[in-house]
N, C-alpha and C. Protein backbone atom coordinates (compact mmCIF):
# COMPACT_ATOMS: atom_id res chain seq x y z
N MET A 1 144.92 28.45 160.60
CA MET A 1 145.70 27.21 160.44
C MET A 1 143.94 26.41 159.91
N PHE A 2 144.34 26.33 158.59
CA PHE A 2 143.59 24.97 158.20
C PHE A 2 143.87 23.65 158.26
N LEU A 3 143.09 22.48 158.89
CA LEU A 3 144.03 21.30 158.96
C LEU A 3 143.59 20.05 158.24
N TYR A 4 144.41 19.17 157.54
CA TYR A 4 143.92 18.42 156.63
C TYR A 4 144.15 16.83 157.24
N VAL A 5 142.79 16.25 156.83
CA VAL A 5 143.03 14.51 157.29
C VAL A 5 142.44 13.86 156.11
N PRO A 6 143.61 12.87 155.72
CA PRO A 6 143.45 12.67 154.02
C PRO A 6 141.80 11.66 154.23
N SER A 7 141.50 10.73 155.30
CA SER A 7 140.37 10.09 155.27
C SER A 7 138.81 11.01 155.42
N ILE A 8 138.66 12.09 155.30
CA ILE A 8 137.96 12.88 155.12
C ILE A 8 137.73 13.90 153.98
N THR A 9 136.44 14.08 153.76
CA THR A 9 136.13 14.94 152.42
C THR A 9 135.99 16.47 152.76
N LYS A 10 136.39 16.98 154.13
CA LYS A 10 136.30 17.97 154.71
C LYS A 10 137.24 18.48 155.12
N ASN A 11 137.52 20.41 155.46
CA ASN A 11 138.59 20.47 156.19
C ASN A 11 138.37 20.91 157.81
N LEU A 12 139.04 20.66 158.43
CA LEU A 12 138.52 20.70 159.98
C LEU A 12 139.41 22.25 160.33
N GLN A 13 138.67 23.02 160.94
CA GLN A 13 139.42 24.45 161.70
C GLN A 13 139.40 24.14 162.99
N SER A 14 140.44 24.39 163.84
CA SER A 14 140.33 24.36 165.23
C SER A 14 139.99 25.71 165.94
N VAL A 15 139.01 25.78 167.04
CA VAL A 15 138.45 27.34 167.06
C VAL A 15 139.64 27.48 168.18
N GLY A 16 140.66 26.61 168.64
CA GLY A 16 142.15 27.61 169.81
C GLY A 16 142.68 27.88 168.70
N GLN A 17 143.39 27.90 167.88
CA GLN A 17 143.98 28.36 166.72
C GLN A 17 143.16 29.94 166.13
N MET A 18 141.96 29.72 165.89
CA MET A 18 141.19 30.90 165.64
C MET A 18 141.38 31.95 166.71
N VAL A 19 141.26 31.41 167.72
CA VAL A 19 141.59 32.21 169.21
C VAL A 19 142.96 32.83 169.17
N GLU A 20 143.91 31.97 169.14
CA GLU A 20 145.08 32.48 169.08
C GLU A 20 145.39 33.31 168.12
N HIS A 21 144.67 33.41 167.14
CA HIS A 21 145.13 34.54 165.79
C HIS A 21 144.58 35.72 166.28
N GLY A 22 143.70 35.77 167.34
CA GLY A 22 142.80 36.92 167.59
C GLY A 22 141.04 37.35 167.11
N LEU A 23 140.81 36.01 166.74
CA LEU A 23 139.40 36.04 166.53
C LEU A 23 138.53 35.33 167.95
N GLN A 24 137.21 35.60 167.35
CA GLN A 24 136.48 35.85 168.56
C GLN A 24 135.48 34.41 168.25
N VAL A 25 135.09 33.59 168.77
CA VAL A 25 133.81 32.73 168.51
C VAL A 25 132.97 32.72 169.40
N ARG A 26 131.96 32.60 168.72
CA ARG A 26 131.16 32.69 169.68
C ARG A 26 129.62 31.44 169.60
N PHE A 27 129.38 30.86 170.53
CA PHE A 27 128.46 29.65 169.96
C PHE A 27 126.80 30.14 170.86
N ASN A 28 125.92 29.36 170.06
CA ASN A 28 124.62 29.59 170.55
C ASN A 28 123.74 28.17 170.20
N GLU A 29 122.79 28.00 170.60
CA GLU A 29 122.22 26.75 169.98
C GLU A 29 121.97 26.76 168.45
N GLN A 30 121.91 27.49 167.58
CA GLN A 30 121.56 27.77 166.02
C GLN A 30 123.45 27.42 165.64
N GLY A 31 124.28 28.00 166.17
CA GLY A 31 125.42 27.67 165.81
C GLY A 31 127.01 28.14 166.07
N CYS A 32 127.31 28.99 165.25
CA CYS A 32 128.70 30.26 165.99
C CYS A 32 128.93 31.01 165.01
N PHE A 33 129.58 32.09 165.46
CA PHE A 33 129.70 33.23 164.65
C PHE A 33 131.16 33.57 164.75
N VAL A 34 131.94 33.86 163.86
CA VAL A 34 133.73 34.09 164.02
C VAL A 34 133.81 35.66 163.67
N LYS A 35 134.25 36.03 164.62
CA LYS A 35 134.55 37.51 164.16
C LYS A 35 135.92 38.17 164.64
N ASP A 36 136.31 38.98 163.77
CA ASP A 36 137.90 39.40 164.12
C ASP A 36 137.59 40.73 164.69
N ILE A 37 138.12 40.29 166.44
CA ILE A 37 137.99 41.39 167.45
C ILE A 37 138.87 42.40 167.11
N LYS A 38 140.16 42.03 166.29
CA LYS A 38 141.53 42.82 166.56
C LYS A 38 141.05 44.45 165.49
N HIS A 39 140.19 43.86 164.26
CA HIS A 39 139.95 44.74 163.39
C HIS A 39 138.49 45.00 163.31
N GLY A 40 137.80 45.79 164.19
CA GLY A 40 136.68 46.34 163.86
C GLY A 40 135.13 45.46 164.29
N CYS A 41 136.13 44.21 165.18
CA CYS A 41 134.83 42.94 165.34
C CYS A 41 133.93 42.90 164.18
N ARG A 42 134.33 42.70 162.78
CA ARG A 42 133.73 42.08 161.92
C ARG A 42 133.59 40.85 161.62
N LEU A 43 132.53 40.50 161.64
CA LEU A 43 131.71 39.31 161.29
C LEU A 43 132.76 38.42 160.09
N ILE A 44 133.43 37.11 160.12
CA ILE A 44 134.09 36.88 158.81
C ILE A 44 133.20 35.40 158.41
N ALA A 45 132.59 34.79 159.58
CA ALA A 45 132.27 33.54 159.22
C ALA A 45 131.24 33.06 160.07
N LYS A 46 130.41 32.09 159.69
CA LYS A 46 129.05 32.02 160.42
C LYS A 46 129.26 30.59 160.20
N GLY A 47 128.78 29.63 161.41
CA GLY A 47 128.89 28.51 161.38
C GLY A 47 127.32 27.44 161.61
N LYS A 48 127.08 26.86 161.13
CA LYS A 48 125.47 26.17 161.41
C LYS A 48 125.69 25.17 161.67
N LYS A 49 124.72 24.81 162.81
CA LYS A 49 125.08 23.26 163.82
C LYS A 49 124.04 22.28 163.06
N GLU A 50 125.08 21.52 162.43
CA GLU A 50 124.22 20.14 161.64
C GLU A 50 124.32 18.81 162.59
N GLY A 51 123.74 18.14 163.62
CA GLY A 51 123.90 17.27 164.61
C GLY A 51 124.82 17.96 165.52
N MET A 52 126.25 17.32 165.79
CA MET A 52 126.86 17.70 167.13
C MET A 52 127.91 18.42 166.46
N LEU A 53 128.06 18.69 165.31
CA LEU A 53 128.81 19.96 164.17
C LEU A 53 128.28 20.63 163.57
N LEU A 54 129.46 21.52 163.62
CA LEU A 54 129.15 23.31 163.27
C LEU A 54 130.03 23.45 162.28
N LYS A 55 129.02 23.50 161.02
CA LYS A 55 129.56 23.85 159.65
C LYS A 55 129.68 25.17 159.30
N LEU A 56 130.89 25.59 159.08
CA LEU A 56 131.29 26.84 158.79
C LEU A 56 130.80 27.21 157.24
N GLU A 57 130.30 28.66 156.84
CA GLU A 57 129.76 28.25 155.67
C GLU A 57 131.19 28.73 154.81
N VAL A 58 131.74 28.04 153.47
CA VAL A 58 132.28 28.35 152.94
C VAL A 58 132.67 29.73 151.80
N GLY A 59 131.76 30.54 151.82
CA GLY A 59 131.28 31.05 150.95
C GLY A 59 131.83 32.81 151.13
N LEU A 60 132.55 32.85 152.48
CA LEU A 60 132.88 33.59 153.42
C LEU A 60 134.45 33.77 152.98
N PRO A 61 135.20 34.22 151.89
CA PRO A 61 136.88 33.85 151.57
C PRO A 61 137.61 35.10 152.83
N GLU A 62 136.61 36.14 153.34
CA GLU A 62 137.22 36.52 154.81
C GLU A 62 137.92 35.51 155.49
N LEU A 63 137.72 34.53 155.80
CA LEU A 63 137.90 33.86 157.06
C LEU A 63 139.37 33.01 156.19
N SER A 64 139.42 32.43 155.30
CA SER A 64 140.67 32.23 154.67
C SER A 64 141.33 33.26 154.38
N LEU A 65 141.26 34.45 154.18
CA LEU A 65 142.02 35.19 154.21
C LEU A 65 142.96 36.08 155.19
N VAL A 66 142.07 36.28 156.39
CA VAL A 66 142.59 36.36 157.60
C VAL A 66 143.22 35.25 158.20
N MET A 67 142.85 33.91 158.16
CA MET A 67 143.60 33.10 158.86
C MET A 67 145.05 33.00 158.16
N PHE A 68 144.86 32.82 156.67
CA PHE A 68 146.09 32.76 156.12
C PHE A 68 147.19 34.17 156.53
N LEU A 69 146.59 35.01 156.66
CA LEU A 69 147.46 36.28 156.72
C LEU A 69 148.16 36.47 158.40
N LYS A 70 147.17 35.80 159.10
CA LYS A 70 147.53 36.04 160.64
C LYS A 70 148.69 34.58 160.72
N SER A 71 148.73 33.78 160.29
CA SER A 71 149.00 32.73 160.00
C SER A 71 150.83 33.18 159.81
N HIS A 72 150.61 34.12 158.78
CA HIS A 72 152.40 34.61 158.25
C HIS A 72 152.95 36.16 158.86
N GLY A 73 152.10 36.16 159.72
CA GLY A 73 152.64 37.54 160.56
C GLY A 73 152.17 38.65 159.87
N VAL A 74 151.06 38.49 158.85
CA VAL A 74 151.16 39.83 157.80
C VAL A 74 150.36 40.98 159.03
N VAL A 75 148.74 40.07 159.78
CA VAL A 75 148.09 41.04 160.20
C VAL A 75 148.50 40.99 161.68
């Protein structure tokens, strides 16, 4: 699920919700990696650390598709 906060120009993603939907989120000092562990452990998103925040790459349509399908009980 993507969360919308009207006062900011970006969307927020909940790590807890990603995990609930069968995704694995791993962190290191450079950023994070999101994998779909139920479907071959494939990498679906990467996040780069910027200050104290992690910014997910928006050029990975797989993340949006997987989160949409899982939130609607398709996958």
